[in-house]
Amino acid sequence: MNVATLTDPARAFEGYLAVRTRLPRATFPDRWRAAPDLGAVAGPYELILLDAYGVLNVGETPIPGAVDRIAALRAAGKAVAVVSNSAGYPKARMMARYARMGFDFAPGEVVTSREALLAHLAHEPRRRWGIMLNPGTGRAELEHLALTFLDDDRAAYDAAEGFLLVGSDGWTEARQALLEAALRDRPRPVLVGNPDLVAPREDGLSREPGQFAHRLTDRTGVVPRFLGKPFPEIFRLALARRSVDPARVLMVGDTLHTDVLGGRHMGFDTALVTGHGSLAGLDVRDAIARSGIVPDHVIDHI
């Protein structure tokens, strides 16, 4: 998988197809139903789980109508929660971002893959971790970990006892090559705080840690542990905050291989959003058929 090419929706989709065997299994409905928006399908559900990028916002810009939809869901008695593979920033920074965009989520209504990673690390042996993360984001929530921010110094890669792939802002091909070489020479644990291959931004799709993690496997044979959608730990965190029958949960997202696959793996119904995000501009019917990942509902926007 050539990570340098996965920066448009078609190539990103091909990238997800290439790693499908490394993702969870699930069962799917025989067919999906089209609806204009989330309001048309939300009725039977008690808890609505929402992806962020491509559903609520694109980069720092809220998607039109998203703020009003959250208010309407609350007015209808629905519980709502964001389930996001955003691991590169502390929770407080995420909450401030949502507030700037007009959303009124409480901290308990936002579950991130960073939180899933930290929960997993609580049960890991203490190690000196080399971390893929822009040091400008600071050490908030990470203060208790023994960390070295990975840069262009090979010695840092050699000294690490394991690696955390958390945020790819500032990550370069040279650093990826150093990481691959270090793991070929001495395999060590790799934990991935964001399994996404791409994320929608105002200027296109950004490359996310999942891209680089899968390339590690391709080139070194090291198999990372993923914490985030479509893997179950992040969904378990969301359910731990409220008692809901999985059959009464709807997962809403823009990506077949993370939101829909992960939701179906947990026994949730799912709604695929196609107007923004990872499938924008693609033939959605063809994408569903080729992937074999079938949502319960397909909507243009929430």
C-alpha atoms as a PDB file:
ATOM      1  CA  MET A   1       0.000   0.000   0.000  1.00  0.00           C
ATOM      2  CA  ASN A   2       1.599   3.266  -1.109  1.00  0.00           C
ATOM      3  CA  VAL A   3       0.686   5.805   1.573  1.00  0.00           C
ATOM      4  CA  ALA A   4       1.892   8.670  -0.583  1.00  0.00           C
ATOM      5  CA  THR A   5      -1.031   8.158  -2.963  1.00  0.00           C
ATOM      6  CA  LEU A   6      -3.957   7.887  -0.537  1.00  0.00           C
ATOM      7  CA  THR A   7      -4.944  11.540  -0.570  1.00  0.00           C
ATOM      8  CA  ASP A   8      -8.102  11.471  -2.708  1.00  0.00           C
ATOM      9  CA  PRO A   9     -11.327   9.552  -1.980  1.00  0.00           C
ATOM     10  CA  ALA A  10     -10.908   6.942  -4.726  1.00  0.00           C
ATOM     11  CA  ARG A  11      -7.371   6.015  -3.732  1.00  0.00           C
ATOM     12  CA  ALA A  12      -8.240   6.102  -0.037  1.00  0.00           C
ATOM     13  CA  PHE A  13     -11.070   3.660  -0.684  1.00  0.00           C
ATOM     14  CA  GLU A  14      -8.673   1.349  -2.518  1.00  0.00           C
ATOM     15  CA  GLY A  15      -6.383   1.587   0.485  1.00  0.00           C
ATOM     16  CA  TYR A  16      -9.156   0.437   2.807  1.00  0.00           C
ATOM     17  CA  LEU A  17      -9.946  -2.470   0.481  1.00  0.00           C
ATOM     18  CA  ALA A  18      -6.290  -3.502   0.621  1.00  0.00           C
ATOM     19  CA  VAL A  19      -6.286  -3.806   4.428  1.00  0.00           C
ATOM     20  CA  ARG A  20      -9.771  -5.303   4.863  1.00  0.00           C
ATOM     21  CA  THR A  21      -8.459  -8.640   6.171  1.00  0.00           C
ATOM     22  CA  ARG A  22      -6.801  -6.809   9.084  1.00  0.00           C
ATOM     23  CA  LEU A  23     -10.087  -5.268  10.233  1.00  0.00           C
ATOM     24  CA  PRO A  24     -12.856  -6.775  12.389  1.00  0.00           C
ATOM     25  CA  ARG A  25     -15.536  -9.034  10.968  1.00  0.00           C
ATOM     26  CA  ALA A  26     -19.242  -8.248  11.068  1.00  0.00           C
ATOM     27  CA  THR A  27     -22.618  -9.242   9.696  1.00  0.00           C
ATOM     28  CA  PHE A  28     -24.613  -6.898   7.495  1.00  0.00           C
ATOM     29  CA  PRO A  29     -28.184  -6.400   6.299  1.00  0.00           C
ATOM     30  CA  ASP A  30     -29.158  -7.793   2.911  1.00  0.00           C
ATOM     31  CA  ARG A  31     -29.858  -4.309   1.600  1.00  0.00           C
ATOM     32  CA  TRP A  32     -29.654  -0.689   2.624  1.00  0.00           C
ATOM     33  CA  ARG A  33     -32.344   1.975   2.622  1.00  0.00           C
ATOM     34  CA  ALA A  34     -31.885   5.506   1.309  1.00  0.00           C
ATOM     35  CA  ALA A  35     -33.199   8.459   3.296  1.00  0.00           C
ATOM     36  CA  PRO A  36     -32.745  12.220   2.957  1.00  0.00           C
ATOM     37  CA  ASP A  37     -31.199  12.826   6.373  1.00  0.00           C
ATOM     38  CA  LEU A  38     -30.742  11.528   9.904  1.00  0.00           C
ATOM     39  CA  GLY A  39     -34.085  12.868  11.053  1.00  0.00           C
ATOM     40  CA  ALA A  40     -35.831  10.408   8.751  1.00  0.00           C
ATOM     41  CA  VAL A  41     -34.208   7.325  10.315  1.00  0.00           C
ATOM     42  CA  ALA A  42     -33.474   8.212  13.960  1.00  0.00           C
ATOM     43  CA  GLY A  43     -36.910   7.317  15.342  1.00  0.00           C
ATOM     44  CA  PRO A  44     -36.336   3.726  16.572  1.00  0.00           C
ATOM     45  CA  TYR A  45     -33.007   4.443  18.268  1.00  0.00           C
ATOM     46  CA  GLU A  46     -32.209   5.479  21.823  1.00  0.00           C
ATOM     47  CA  LEU A  47     -28.542   6.397  21.354  1.00  0.00           C
ATOM     48  CA  ILE A  48     -27.078   8.082  18.265  1.00  0.00           C
ATOM     49  CA  LEU A  49     -23.303   7.746  17.903  1.00  0.00           C
ATOM     50  CA  LEU A  50     -21.792  10.251  15.499  1.00  0.00           C
ATOM     51  CA  ASP A  51     -18.487  10.344  13.735  1.00  0.00           C
ATOM     52  CA  ALA A  52     -17.041  13.847  13.639  1.00  0.00           C
ATOM     53  CA  TYR A  53     -15.043  14.484  10.451  1.00  0.00           C
ATOM     54  CA  GLY A  54     -17.319  14.273   7.424  1.00  0.00           C
ATOM     55  CA  VAL A  55     -20.472  14.139   9.570  1.00  0.00           C
ATOM     56  CA  LEU A  56     -20.346  17.105  11.952  1.00  0.00           C
ATOM     57  CA  ASN A  57     -17.462  19.040  10.455  1.00  0.00           C
ATOM     58  CA  VAL A  58     -14.841  19.190   7.728  1.00  0.00           C
ATOM     59  CA  GLY A  59     -11.632  20.356   9.345  1.00  0.00           C
ATOM     60  CA  GLU A  60     -12.516  23.397  11.445  1.00  0.00           C
ATOM     61  CA  THR A  61     -15.758  24.105   9.571  1.00  0.00           C
ATOM     62  CA  PRO A  62     -19.132  22.780  10.775  1.00  0.00           C
ATOM     63  CA  ILE A  63     -21.225  21.077   8.112  1.00  0.00           C
ATOM     64  CA  PRO A  64     -24.376  23.148   7.449  1.00  0.00           C
ATOM     65  CA  GLY A  65     -27.328  21.928   9.491  1.00  0.00           C
ATOM     66  CA  ALA A  66     -25.286  19.714  11.820  1.00  0.00           C
ATOM     67  CA  VAL A  67     -25.675  21.920  14.906  1.00  0.00           C
ATOM     68  CA  ASP A  68     -29.431  22.129  14.379  1.00  0.00           C
ATOM     69  CA  ARG A  69     -29.678  18.360  13.889  1.00  0.00           C
ATOM     70  CA  ILE A  70     -28.033  17.695  17.255  1.00  0.00           C
ATOM     71  CA  ALA A  71     -30.512  20.052  18.905  1.00  0.00           C
ATOM     72  CA  ALA A  72     -33.415  18.306  17.172  1.00  0.00           C
ATOM     73  CA  LEU A  73     -32.203  14.879  18.305  1.00  0.00           C
ATOM     74  CA  ARG A  74     -31.992  16.077  21.890  1.00  0.00           C
ATOM     75  CA  ALA A  75     -35.474  17.587  21.649  1.00  0.00           C
ATOM     76  CA  ALA A  76     -36.763  14.208  20.460  1.00  0.00           C
ATOM     77  CA  GLY A  77     -35.332  12.552  23.566  1.00  0.00           C
ATOM     78  CA  LYS A  78     -32.343  10.921  21.894  1.00  0.00           C
ATOM     79  CA  ALA A  79     -29.006  10.485  23.636  1.00  0.00           C
ATOM     80  CA  VAL A  80     -26.131  11.603  21.409  1.00  0.00           C
ATOM     81  CA  ALA A  81     -22.397  10.997  21.554  1.00  0.00           C
ATOM     82  CA  VAL A  82     -19.435  11.692  19.308  1.00  0.00           C
ATOM     83  CA  VAL A  83     -17.163   8.700  18.652  1.00  0.00           C
ATOM     84  CA  SER A  84     -14.076  10.036  16.924  1.00  0.00           C
ATOM     85  CA  ASN A  85     -10.716   8.659  15.822  1.00  0.00           C
ATOM     86  CA  SER A  86      -9.172  11.996  16.737  1.00  0.00           C
ATOM     87  CA  ALA A  87      -6.162  11.157  18.892  1.00  0.00           C
ATOM     88  CA  GLY A  88      -3.694  13.943  18.153  1.00  0.00           C
ATOM     89  CA  TYR A  89      -5.064  16.498  20.619  1.00  0.00           C
ATOM     90  CA  PRO A  90      -6.120  16.519  24.283  1.00  0.00           C
ATOM     91  CA  LYS A  91      -9.829  16.278  25.105  1.00  0.00           C
ATOM     92  CA  ALA A  92      -9.984  19.891  26.316  1.00  0.00           C
ATOM     93  CA  ARG A  93      -8.777  21.139  22.940  1.00  0.00           C
ATOM     94  CA  MET A  94     -11.397  19.031  21.157  1.00  0.00           C
ATOM     95  CA  MET A  95     -14.158  20.375  23.390  1.00  0.00           C
ATOM     96  CA  ALA A  96     -13.057  23.949  22.683  1.00  0.00           C
ATOM     97  CA  ARG A  97     -13.125  23.217  18.956  1.00  0.00           C
ATOM     98  CA  TYR A  98     -16.670  21.864  19.109  1.00  0.00           C
ATOM     99  CA  ALA A  99     -17.780  24.907  21.095  1.00  0.00           C
ATOM    100  CA  ARG A 100     -16.258  27.253  18.492  1.00  0.00           C
ATOM    101  CA  MET A 101     -18.218  25.447  15.792  1.00  0.00           C
ATOM    102  CA  GLY A 102     -21.469  25.855  17.741  1.00  0.00           C
ATOM    103  CA  PHE A 103     -21.879  22.353  19.211  1.00  0.00           C
ATOM    104  CA  ASP A 104     -22.841  21.998  22.868  1.00  0.00           C
ATOM    105  CA  PHE A 105     -21.511  18.517  23.639  1.00  0.00           C
ATOM    106  CA  ALA A 106     -20.605  17.734  27.230  1.00  0.00           C
ATOM    107  CA  PRO A 107     -17.242  16.015  27.795  1.00  0.00           C
ATOM    108  CA  GLY A 108     -19.025  12.764  28.628  1.00  0.00           C
ATOM    109  CA  GLU A 109     -20.691  12.866  25.206  1.00  0.00           C
ATOM    110  CA  VAL A 110     -17.375  12.799  23.342  1.00  0.00           C
ATOM    111  CA  VAL A 111     -15.381   9.564  23.147  1.00  0.00           C
ATOM    112  CA  THR A 112     -12.064   9.571  21.313  1.00  0.00           C
ATOM    113  CA  SER A 113      -9.563   6.992  20.185  1.00  0.00           C
ATOM    114  CA  ARG A 114      -7.024   8.852  22.326  1.00  0.00           C
ATOM    115  CA  GLU A 115      -9.117   7.879  25.352  1.00  0.00           C
ATOM    116  CA  ALA A 116      -9.267   4.290  24.110  1.00  0.00           C
ATOM    117  CA  LEU A 117      -5.484   4.289  23.745  1.00  0.00           C
ATOM    118  CA  LEU A 118      -4.958   5.686  27.244  1.00  0.00           C
ATOM    119  CA  ALA A 119      -7.356   3.123  28.715  1.00  0.00           C
ATOM    120  CA  HIS A 120      -5.399   0.359  27.007  1.00  0.00           C
ATOM    121  CA  LEU A 121      -2.050   1.748  28.166  1.00  0.00           C
ATOM    122  CA  ALA A 122      -3.232   1.552  31.776  1.00  0.00           C
ATOM    123  CA  HIS A 123      -2.920  -2.227  31.454  1.00  0.00           C
ATOM    124  CA  GLU A 124       0.368  -2.281  29.527  1.00  0.00           C
ATOM    125  CA  PRO A 125       3.762  -2.811  31.179  1.00  0.00           C
ATOM    126  CA  ARG A 126       5.606   0.458  31.701  1.00  0.00           C
ATOM    127  CA  ARG A 127       7.845   1.163  28.720  1.00  0.00           C
ATOM    128  CA  ARG A 128       9.829   3.963  27.165  1.00  0.00           C
ATOM    129  CA  TRP A 129       7.577   4.818  24.225  1.00  0.00           C
ATOM    130  CA  GLY A 130       8.588   6.551  21.030  1.00  0.00           C
ATOM    131  CA  ILE A 131       5.572   8.594  19.965  1.00  0.00           C
ATOM    132  CA  MET A 132       4.396   9.803  16.559  1.00  0.00           C
ATOM    133  CA  LEU A 133       2.889  13.132  17.616  1.00  0.00           C
ATOM    134  CA  ASN A 134       3.596  16.781  16.943  1.00  0.00           C
ATOM    135  CA  PRO A 135       5.259  18.004  20.169  1.00  0.00           C
ATOM    136  CA  GLY A 136       3.452  21.303  19.730  1.00  0.00           C
ATOM    137  CA  THR A 137       0.286  19.613  20.990  1.00  0.00           C
ATOM    138  CA  GLY A 138       1.915  19.266  24.424  1.00  0.00           C
ATOM    139  CA  ARG A 139       1.907  16.447  26.958  1.00  0.00           C
ATOM    140  CA  ALA A 140      -1.579  16.967  28.428  1.00  0.00           C
ATOM    141  CA  GLU A 141      -3.083  13.547  29.330  1.00  0.00           C
ATOM    142  CA  LEU A 142       0.276  11.931  28.555  1.00  0.00           C
ATOM    143  CA  GLU A 143       2.304  13.217  31.515  1.00  0.00           C
ATOM    144  CA  HIS A 144       2.387   9.834  33.234  1.00  0.00           C
ATOM    145  CA  LEU A 145       3.966   8.105  30.236  1.00  0.00           C
ATOM    146  CA  ALA A 146       7.684   7.791  29.528  1.00  0.00           C
ATOM    147  CA  LEU A 147       7.762   9.385  26.072  1.00  0.00           C
ATOM    148  CA  THR A 148      10.219  10.437  23.423  1.00  0.00           C
ATOM    149  CA  PHE A 149       8.793  12.460  20.535  1.00  0.00           C
ATOM    150  CA  LEU A 150      10.113  10.877  17.365  1.00  0.00           C
ATOM    151  CA  ASP A 151      12.015  13.196  15.038  1.00  0.00           C
ATOM    152  CA  ASP A 152      14.948  12.720  12.667  1.00  0.00           C
ATOM    153  CA  ASP A 153      17.336  11.179  15.213  1.00  0.00           C
ATOM    154  CA  ARG A 154      17.753   7.425  14.675  1.00  0.00           C
ATOM    155  CA  ALA A 155      18.924   7.020  18.272  1.00  0.00           C
ATOM    156  CA  ALA A 156      15.418   7.841  19.548  1.00  0.00           C
ATOM    157  CA  TYR A 157      13.955   4.993  17.508  1.00  0.00           C
ATOM    158  CA  ASP A 158      16.595   2.559  18.717  1.00  0.00           C
ATOM    159  CA  ALA A 159      16.091   3.514  22.379  1.00  0.00           C
ATOM    160  CA  ALA A 160      12.300   3.148  22.342  1.00  0.00           C
ATOM    161  CA  GLU A 161      10.817   0.006  23.882  1.00  0.00           C
ATOM    162  CA  GLY A 162       7.594   0.433  21.921  1.00  0.00           C
ATOM    163  CA  PHE A 163       5.876   2.934  19.641  1.00  0.00           C
ATOM    164  CA  LEU A 164       2.661   4.953  19.852  1.00  0.00           C
ATOM    165  CA  LEU A 165       1.231   6.242  16.548  1.00  0.00           C
ATOM    166  CA  VAL A 166      -1.054   9.014  17.737  1.00  0.00           C
ATOM    167  CA  GLY A 167      -0.942  11.985  15.362  1.00  0.00           C
ATOM    168  CA  SER A 168       0.632  12.295  11.909  1.00  0.00           C
ATOM    169  CA  ASP A 169       0.837  16.101  11.708  1.00  0.00           C
ATOM    170  CA  GLY A 170       4.480  16.781  10.865  1.00  0.00           C
ATOM    171  CA  TRP A 171       5.296  13.137  10.163  1.00  0.00           C
ATOM    172  CA  THR A 172       7.566  12.710   7.150  1.00  0.00           C
ATOM    173  CA  GLU A 173       8.668   9.963   4.804  1.00  0.00           C
ATOM    174  CA  ALA A 174      12.148  10.186   6.339  1.00  0.00           C
ATOM    175  CA  ARG A 175      10.748   9.517   9.814  1.00  0.00           C
ATOM    176  CA  GLN A 176       8.614   6.677   8.495  1.00  0.00           C
ATOM    177  CA  ALA A 177      11.739   5.121   6.994  1.00  0.00           C
ATOM    178  CA  LEU A 178      13.540   5.415  10.344  1.00  0.00           C
ATOM    179  CA  LEU A 179      10.629   3.743  12.119  1.00  0.00           C
ATOM    180  CA  GLU A 180      10.467   0.919   9.594  1.00  0.00           C
ATOM    181  CA  ALA A 181      14.213   0.332   9.814  1.00  0.00           C
ATOM    182  CA  ALA A 182      14.127   0.284  13.612  1.00  0.00           C
ATOM    183  CA  LEU A 183      11.315  -2.273  13.647  1.00  0.00           C
ATOM    184  CA  ARG A 184      12.995  -4.468  11.058  1.00  0.00           C
ATOM    185  CA  ASP A 185      16.128  -4.488  13.188  1.00  0.00           C
ATOM    186  CA  ARG A 186      14.262  -5.118  16.462  1.00  0.00           C
ATOM    187  CA  PRO A 187      10.493  -5.708  16.485  1.00  0.00           C
ATOM    188  CA  ARG A 188       8.668  -3.986  19.360  1.00  0.00           C
ATOM    189  CA  PRO A 189       5.034  -3.301  20.296  1.00  0.00           C
ATOM    190  CA  VAL A 190       3.205  -0.701  18.197  1.00  0.00           C
ATOM    191  CA  LEU A 191      -0.066   0.843  19.410  1.00  0.00           C
ATOM    192  CA  VAL A 192      -2.114   2.993  17.023  1.00  0.00           C
ATOM    193  CA  GLY A 193      -4.306   5.724  18.472  1.00  0.00           C
ATOM    194  CA  ASN A 194      -5.968   6.582  15.159  1.00  0.00           C
ATOM    195  CA  PRO A 195      -6.702   3.712  12.733  1.00  0.00           C
ATOM    196  CA  ASP A 196      -7.998   6.055  10.000  1.00  0.00           C
ATOM    197  CA  LEU A 197      -6.169   6.098   6.686  1.00  0.00           C
ATOM    198  CA  VAL A 198      -7.419   9.606   5.858  1.00  0.00           C
ATOM    199  CA  ALA A 199      -9.517  12.411   7.320  1.00  0.00           C
ATOM    200  CA  PRO A 200     -11.475  15.098   5.433  1.00  0.00           C
ATOM    201  CA  ARG A 201     -10.090  18.629   5.722  1.00  0.00           C
ATOM    202  CA  GLU A 202     -11.043  21.850   3.998  1.00  0.00           C
ATOM    203  CA  ASP A 203      -8.307  21.345   1.390  1.00  0.00           C
ATOM    204  CA  GLY A 204      -8.725  17.596   0.829  1.00  0.00           C
ATOM    205  CA  LEU A 205      -7.857  14.417   2.709  1.00  0.00           C
ATOM    206  CA  SER A 206      -5.070  14.298   5.267  1.00  0.00           C
ATOM    207  CA  ARG A 207      -2.946  11.209   5.832  1.00  0.00           C
ATOM    208  CA  GLU A 208      -3.615   9.699   9.249  1.00  0.00           C
ATOM    209  CA  PRO A 209      -1.664   7.281  11.493  1.00  0.00           C
ATOM    210  CA  GLY A 210      -3.520   4.234  10.191  1.00  0.00           C
ATOM    211  CA  GLN A 211      -1.874   4.673   6.785  1.00  0.00           C
ATOM    212  CA  PHE A 212       1.588   4.567   8.287  1.00  0.00           C
ATOM    213  CA  ALA A 213       0.693   1.705  10.629  1.00  0.00           C
ATOM    214  CA  HIS A 214      -0.444  -0.543   7.794  1.00  0.00           C
ATOM    215  CA  ARG A 215       2.705   0.247   5.858  1.00  0.00           C
ATOM    216  CA  LEU A 216       4.721  -0.877   8.882  1.00  0.00           C
ATOM    217  CA  THR A 217       3.032  -4.259   8.642  1.00  0.00           C
ATOM    218  CA  ASP A 218       3.602  -4.440   4.892  1.00  0.00           C
ATOM    219  CA  ARG A 219       7.306  -3.656   5.212  1.00  0.00           C
ATOM    220  CA  THR A 220       8.319  -5.115   8.585  1.00  0.00           C
ATOM    221  CA  GLY A 221       5.787  -7.812   9.456  1.00  0.00           C
ATOM    222  CA  VAL A 222       5.066  -6.092  12.778  1.00  0.00           C
ATOM    223  CA  VAL A 223       1.327  -6.187  13.527  1.00  0.00           C
ATOM    224  CA  PRO A 224       0.157  -3.095  15.448  1.00  0.00           C
ATOM    225  CA  ARG A 225      -2.635  -2.991  18.007  1.00  0.00           C
ATOM    226  CA  PHE A 226      -5.306  -0.528  16.842  1.00  0.00           C
ATOM    227  CA  LEU A 227      -7.343   1.502  19.343  1.00  0.00           C
ATOM    228  CA  GLY A 228     -10.209   3.270  17.589  1.00  0.00           C
ATOM    229  CA  LYS A 229     -12.895   2.604  14.993  1.00  0.00           C
ATOM    230  CA  PRO A 230     -13.547   0.013  13.612  1.00  0.00           C
ATOM    231  CA  PHE A 231     -12.046  -1.834  16.578  1.00  0.00           C
ATOM    232  CA  PRO A 232     -14.286  -2.420  19.599  1.00  0.00           C
ATOM    233  CA  GLU A 233     -12.514  -0.665  22.482  1.00  0.00           C
ATOM    234  CA  ILE A 234     -13.712   2.826  21.566  1.00  0.00           C
ATOM    235  CA  PHE A 235     -17.313   1.653  21.235  1.00  0.00           C
ATOM    236  CA  ARG A 236     -17.110  -0.113  24.594  1.00  0.00           C
ATOM    237  CA  LEU A 237     -16.035   3.167  26.159  1.00  0.00           C
ATOM    238  CA  ALA A 238     -19.077   4.871  24.645  1.00  0.00           C
ATOM    239  CA  LEU A 239     -21.437   2.178  25.923  1.00  0.00           C
ATOM    240  CA  ALA A 240     -19.831   2.168  29.382  1.00  0.00           C
ATOM    241  CA  ARG A 241     -21.124   5.712  29.891  1.00  0.00           C
ATOM    242  CA  ARG A 242     -24.770   4.709  29.389  1.00  0.00           C
ATOM    243  CA  SER A 243     -26.828   1.522  29.597  1.00  0.00           C
ATOM    244  CA  VAL A 244     -28.290   0.902  26.148  1.00  0.00           C
ATOM    245  CA  ASP A 245     -29.234  -2.248  24.258  1.00  0.00           C
ATOM    246  CA  PRO A 246     -26.926  -2.388  21.193  1.00  0.00           C
ATOM    247  CA  ALA A 247     -30.028  -2.968  19.049  1.00  0.00           C
ATOM    248  CA  ARG A 248     -31.174   0.555  20.017  1.00  0.00           C
ATOM    249  CA  VAL A 249     -27.905   2.194  18.936  1.00  0.00           C
ATOM    250  CA  LEU A 250     -27.297   3.872  15.564  1.00  0.00           C
ATOM    251  CA  MET A 251     -23.730   4.591  14.437  1.00  0.00           C
ATOM    252  CA  VAL A 252     -23.556   7.447  11.919  1.00  0.00           C
ATOM    253  CA  GLY A 253     -20.423   8.007   9.860  1.00  0.00           C
ATOM    254  CA  ASP A 254     -18.908   8.741   6.464  1.00  0.00           C
ATOM    255  CA  THR A 255     -16.558   5.749   6.167  1.00  0.00           C
ATOM    256  CA  LEU A 256     -17.553   2.173   5.376  1.00  0.00           C
ATOM    257  CA  HIS A 257     -14.421   0.561   6.792  1.00  0.00           C
ATOM    258  CA  THR A 258     -14.418   2.401  10.147  1.00  0.00           C
ATOM    259  CA  ASP A 259     -17.860   3.711  11.094  1.00  0.00           C
ATOM    260  CA  VAL A 260     -20.095   1.167   9.382  1.00  0.00           C
ATOM    261  CA  LEU A 261     -17.878  -1.874   9.854  1.00  0.00           C
ATOM    262  CA  GLY A 262     -17.155  -0.978  13.467  1.00  0.00           C
ATOM    263  CA  GLY A 263     -20.787  -0.283  14.266  1.00  0.00           C
ATOM    264  CA  ARG A 264     -21.977  -3.527  12.720  1.00  0.00           C
ATOM    265  CA  HIS A 265     -19.221  -5.434  14.546  1.00  0.00           C
ATOM    266  CA  MET A 266     -20.743  -4.153  17.802  1.00  0.00           C
ATOM    267  CA  GLY A 267     -24.290  -5.106  16.801  1.00  0.00           C
ATOM    268  CA  PHE A 268     -25.424  -1.532  16.063  1.00  0.00           C
ATOM    269  CA  ASP A 269     -27.446  -0.337  13.097  1.00  0.00           C
ATOM    270  CA  THR A 270     -25.502   2.101  10.936  1.00  0.00           C
ATOM    271  CA  ALA A 271     -26.102   5.114   8.713  1.00  0.00           C
ATOM    272  CA  LEU A 272     -23.584   6.034   6.013  1.00  0.00           C
ATOM    273  CA  VAL A 273     -23.247   9.764   5.262  1.00  0.00           C
ATOM    274  CA  THR A 274     -22.222  10.388   1.656  1.00  0.00           C
ATOM    275  CA  GLY A 275     -22.379  14.145   1.065  1.00  0.00           C
ATOM    276  CA  HIS A 276     -19.080  14.931   2.761  1.00  0.00           C
ATOM    277  CA  GLY A 277     -16.034  12.983   3.805  1.00  0.00           C
ATOM    278  CA  SER A 278     -14.352   9.842   2.552  1.00  0.00           C
ATOM    279  CA  LEU A 279     -16.880   8.836  -0.133  1.00  0.00           C
ATOM    280  CA  ALA A 280     -17.661  12.297  -1.489  1.00  0.00           C
ATOM    281  CA  GLY A 281     -17.787  12.148  -5.274  1.00  0.00           C
ATOM    282  CA  LEU A 282     -17.640   8.345  -5.455  1.00  0.00           C
ATOM    283  CA  ASP A 283     -20.289   5.897  -6.648  1.00  0.00           C
ATOM    284  CA  VAL A 284     -21.706   4.841  -3.284  1.00  0.00           C
ATOM    285  CA  ARG A 285     -23.504   1.772  -4.645  1.00  0.00           C
ATOM    286  CA  ASP A 286     -20.276   0.556  -6.196  1.00  0.00           C
ATOM    287  CA  ALA A 287     -18.318   1.220  -2.992  1.00  0.00           C
ATOM    288  CA  ILE A 288     -20.795  -0.775  -0.907  1.00  0.00           C
ATOM    289  CA  ALA A 289     -20.805  -3.630  -3.413  1.00  0.00           C
ATOM    290  CA  ARG A 290     -17.017  -3.792  -3.717  1.00  0.00           C
ATOM    291  CA  SER A 291     -16.385  -3.600   0.012  1.00  0.00           C
ATOM    292  CA  GLY A 292     -19.170  -5.954   1.057  1.00  0.00           C
ATOM    293  CA  ILE A 293     -19.805  -3.553   3.955  1.00  0.00           C
ATOM    294  CA  VAL A 294     -23.516  -2.747   3.914  1.00  0.00           C
ATOM    295  CA  PRO A 295     -25.020  -0.009   6.099  1.00  0.00           C
ATOM    296  CA  ASP A 296     -28.623  -0.074   7.255  1.00  0.00           C
ATOM    297  CA  HIS A 297     -29.247   3.457   5.984  1.00  0.00           C
ATOM    298  CA  VAL A 298     -27.600   5.768   3.457  1.00  0.00           C
ATOM    299  CA  ILE A 299     -28.109   9.514   3.907  1.00  0.00           C
ATOM    300  CA  ASP A 300     -26.614  12.534   2.181  1.00  0.00           C
ATOM    301  CA  HIS A 301     -26.154  14.492   5.411  1.00  0.00           C
ATOM    302  CA  ILE A 302     -27.343  14.395   8.983  1.00  0.00           C
END
